Amino acid sequence: MPRVAEIMTRNVETVGPLATVQEAAERMKSDNIGSLPVCQDSRLVGTITDRDITVRVTAEGRDARLTLVRDVMTSEVVTVRPQQEIAEAEQLMHDFQVRRLPVVEQDGRLVGYVTTATIAKRDGDEKTVGRVLKGISQPQRPAPEEISPRPRGK
């Protein structure tokens, strides 16, 4: 069975928890991405998304130039290990309604990223991709802050 390590993006852009939200947003804009893993000493401590910025900064009237990433990031992140099967990553995405999975080693060190687009390119299986996307789009799942502690999987 194919493993996550075979399809993951290895050179992942990250941001530190002490960066400002403006710095994170500028990096997202320049790289044309919607989220950044937040790492401290190469260990994953959270993620920040364009939605986090909208909901936790803009909607609350905070100043992005003064707000730190650590104060608005999502701390509890669903992750996958590089040696797990791709089918397990797909299931995690479906079950937890996430489009992106950080790939971490057992010690929490970030080694890659898997997205629905990555899986779609590899699979070419419209049925599988459709099932994952359908699960992601379903209402009434727990907010990321309510997900059990990371890392998920084996």
Protein backbone atom coordinates (compact mmCIF):
# COMPACT_ATOMS: atom_id res chain seq x y z
CA MET A 1 0.00 0.00 0.00
CA PRO A 2 1.27 3.50 -0.83
CA ARG A 3 2.55 5.55 2.10
CA VAL A 4 2.16 9.24 2.94
CA ALA A 5 5.92 9.75 2.53
CA GLU A 6 5.57 8.93 -1.18
CA ILE A 7 3.24 11.85 -1.93
CA MET A 8 3.83 14.46 0.76
CA THR A 9 5.26 17.88 -0.01
CA ARG A 10 8.62 17.95 1.73
CA ASN A 11 9.72 21.58 1.61
CA VAL A 12 6.99 23.17 3.67
CA GLU A 13 6.86 26.89 4.36
CA THR A 14 6.36 27.50 8.09
CA VAL A 15 5.97 30.39 10.50
CA GLY A 16 7.05 30.74 14.11
CA PRO A 17 4.64 31.34 16.99
CA LEU A 18 6.23 34.73 17.77
CA ALA A 19 5.75 36.08 14.24
CA THR A 20 3.01 38.65 13.79
CA VAL A 21 -0.20 37.73 12.03
CA GLN A 22 0.68 40.32 9.39
CA GLU A 23 3.94 38.48 8.67
CA ALA A 24 2.05 35.19 8.35
CA ALA A 25 -0.54 36.77 6.05
CA GLU A 26 2.17 38.31 3.88
CA ARG A 27 3.84 34.91 3.52
CA MET A 28 0.51 33.29 2.63
CA LYS A 29 -0.08 35.98 0.00
CA SER A 30 3.38 35.72 -1.56
CA ASP A 31 3.24 31.90 -1.67
CA ASN A 32 -0.45 31.82 -2.70
CA ILE A 33 -1.39 29.43 0.13
CA GLY A 34 -4.19 29.37 2.70
CA SER A 35 -2.38 28.01 5.73
CA LEU A 36 0.99 27.73 7.40
CA PRO A 37 2.21 25.18 9.91
CA VAL A 38 3.45 26.91 13.05
CA CYS A 39 6.76 25.43 14.18
CA GLN A 40 9.10 26.04 17.06
CA ASP A 41 12.50 24.37 16.76
CA SER A 42 11.16 22.36 13.76
CA ARG A 43 8.37 20.90 15.93
CA LEU A 44 4.76 21.49 14.98
CA VAL A 45 2.93 23.55 17.60
CA GLY A 46 -0.10 24.57 15.54
CA THR A 47 -1.36 25.94 12.25
CA ILE A 48 -2.63 29.30 11.13
CA THR A 49 -5.06 29.63 8.24
CA ASP A 50 -6.55 32.49 6.32
CA ARG A 51 -9.80 31.62 8.11
CA ASP A 52 -8.10 31.89 11.53
CA ILE A 53 -6.93 35.37 10.55
CA THR A 54 -10.40 36.38 9.38
CA VAL A 55 -12.29 35.00 12.39
CA ARG A 56 -9.80 35.54 15.22
CA VAL A 57 -8.13 38.77 14.11
CA THR A 58 -10.19 40.78 11.65
CA ALA A 59 -13.64 39.92 13.04
CA GLU A 60 -12.45 40.66 16.58
CA GLY A 61 -10.94 43.99 15.58
CA ARG A 62 -7.38 43.01 16.46
CA ASP A 63 -4.37 44.66 14.85
CA ALA A 64 -2.56 42.11 12.65
CA ARG A 65 0.66 44.10 13.03
CA LEU A 66 0.61 43.56 16.81
CA THR A 67 -1.12 40.18 17.19
CA LEU A 68 1.18 37.19 17.47
CA VAL A 69 0.56 33.97 15.58
CA ARG A 70 0.57 31.98 18.85
CA ASP A 71 -2.43 33.98 20.09
CA VAL A 72 -4.70 33.06 17.17
CA MET A 73 -3.33 29.79 15.77
CA THR A 74 -5.09 26.47 16.04
CA SER A 75 -3.10 24.48 18.60
CA GLU A 76 -4.74 21.09 18.32
CA VAL A 77 -3.92 19.80 14.87
CA VAL A 78 -4.81 16.51 13.22
CA THR A 79 -1.57 15.04 11.85
CA VAL A 80 -0.35 11.95 10.04
CA ARG A 81 2.96 10.07 10.10
CA PRO A 82 5.03 9.56 6.94
CA GLN A 83 4.83 5.78 7.22
CA GLN A 84 1.02 5.68 7.40
CA GLU A 85 -0.92 4.54 4.37
CA ILE A 86 -2.42 7.21 2.14
CA ALA A 87 -5.85 5.69 2.77
CA GLU A 88 -5.42 6.52 6.47
CA ALA A 89 -4.62 10.15 5.61
CA GLU A 90 -7.74 10.27 3.41
CA GLN A 91 -9.82 8.88 6.27
CA LEU A 92 -8.45 11.45 8.74
CA MET A 93 -9.25 14.25 6.29
CA HIS A 94 -12.76 12.91 5.88
CA ASP A 95 -13.41 12.27 9.58
CA PHE A 96 -11.98 15.55 10.88
CA GLN A 97 -13.05 17.69 7.92
CA VAL A 98 -9.60 19.01 7.09
CA ARG A 99 -8.10 19.74 3.67
CA ARG A 100 -4.50 19.72 4.88
CA LEU A 101 -2.57 17.32 7.08
CA PRO A 102 0.83 18.13 8.50
CA VAL A 103 3.12 15.10 8.36
CA VAL A 104 5.10 14.70 11.57
CA GLU A 105 7.55 12.22 13.00
CA GLN A 106 6.83 10.68 16.39
CA ASP A 107 8.78 13.47 18.13
CA GLY A 108 6.50 16.12 16.58
CA ARG A 109 9.04 17.29 13.99
CA LEU A 110 7.32 18.52 10.83
CA VAL A 111 8.56 16.64 7.76
CA GLY A 112 5.87 17.36 5.17
CA TYR A 113 2.33 18.27 4.23
CA VAL A 114 -0.45 16.36 2.50
CA THR A 115 -3.43 18.11 0.94
CA THR A 116 -6.55 16.97 -0.86
CA ALA A 117 -4.91 18.29 -4.05
CA THR A 118 -1.84 16.11 -3.42
CA ILE A 119 -4.05 13.06 -3.00
CA ALA A 120 -6.13 13.92 -6.06
CA LYS A 121 -2.99 14.19 -8.22
CA ARG A 122 -1.73 10.83 -7.00
CA ASP A 123 -5.01 8.99 -7.00
CA GLY A 124 -6.68 10.27 -10.09
CA ASP A 125 -9.57 8.41 -8.48
CA GLU A 126 -12.52 10.78 -8.61
CA LYS A 127 -14.58 8.51 -6.34
CA THR A 128 -12.01 8.60 -3.51
CA VAL A 129 -11.40 12.33 -3.84
CA GLY A 130 -15.16 12.94 -3.96
CA ARG A 131 -15.69 10.93 -0.77
CA VAL A 132 -12.97 12.84 1.08
CA LEU A 133 -14.28 16.21 -0.11
CA LYS A 134 -17.85 15.24 0.80
CA GLY A 135 -16.74 14.37 4.33
CA ILE A 136 -14.82 17.64 4.65
CA SER A 137 -17.90 19.59 3.60
CA GLN A 138 -20.34 18.01 6.06
CA PRO A 139 -21.66 20.31 8.84
CA GLN A 140 -21.60 19.66 12.58
CA ARG A 141 -18.05 18.51 13.20
CA PRO A 142 -16.05 19.65 16.23
CA ALA A 143 -14.07 22.85 15.90
CA PRO A 144 -10.29 22.27 15.62
CA GLU A 145 -9.90 23.40 19.25
CA GLU A 146 -12.14 20.50 20.30
CA ILE A 147 -10.22 17.78 18.45
CA SER A 148 -8.36 15.37 20.67
CA PRO A 149 -4.67 16.08 21.20
CA ARG A 150 -2.26 15.72 18.31
CA PRO A 151 -0.77 13.70 16.79
CA ARG A 152 -3.49 11.55 15.32
CA GLY A 153 -2.81 8.23 13.70
CA LYS A 154 -0.12 5.70 14.43
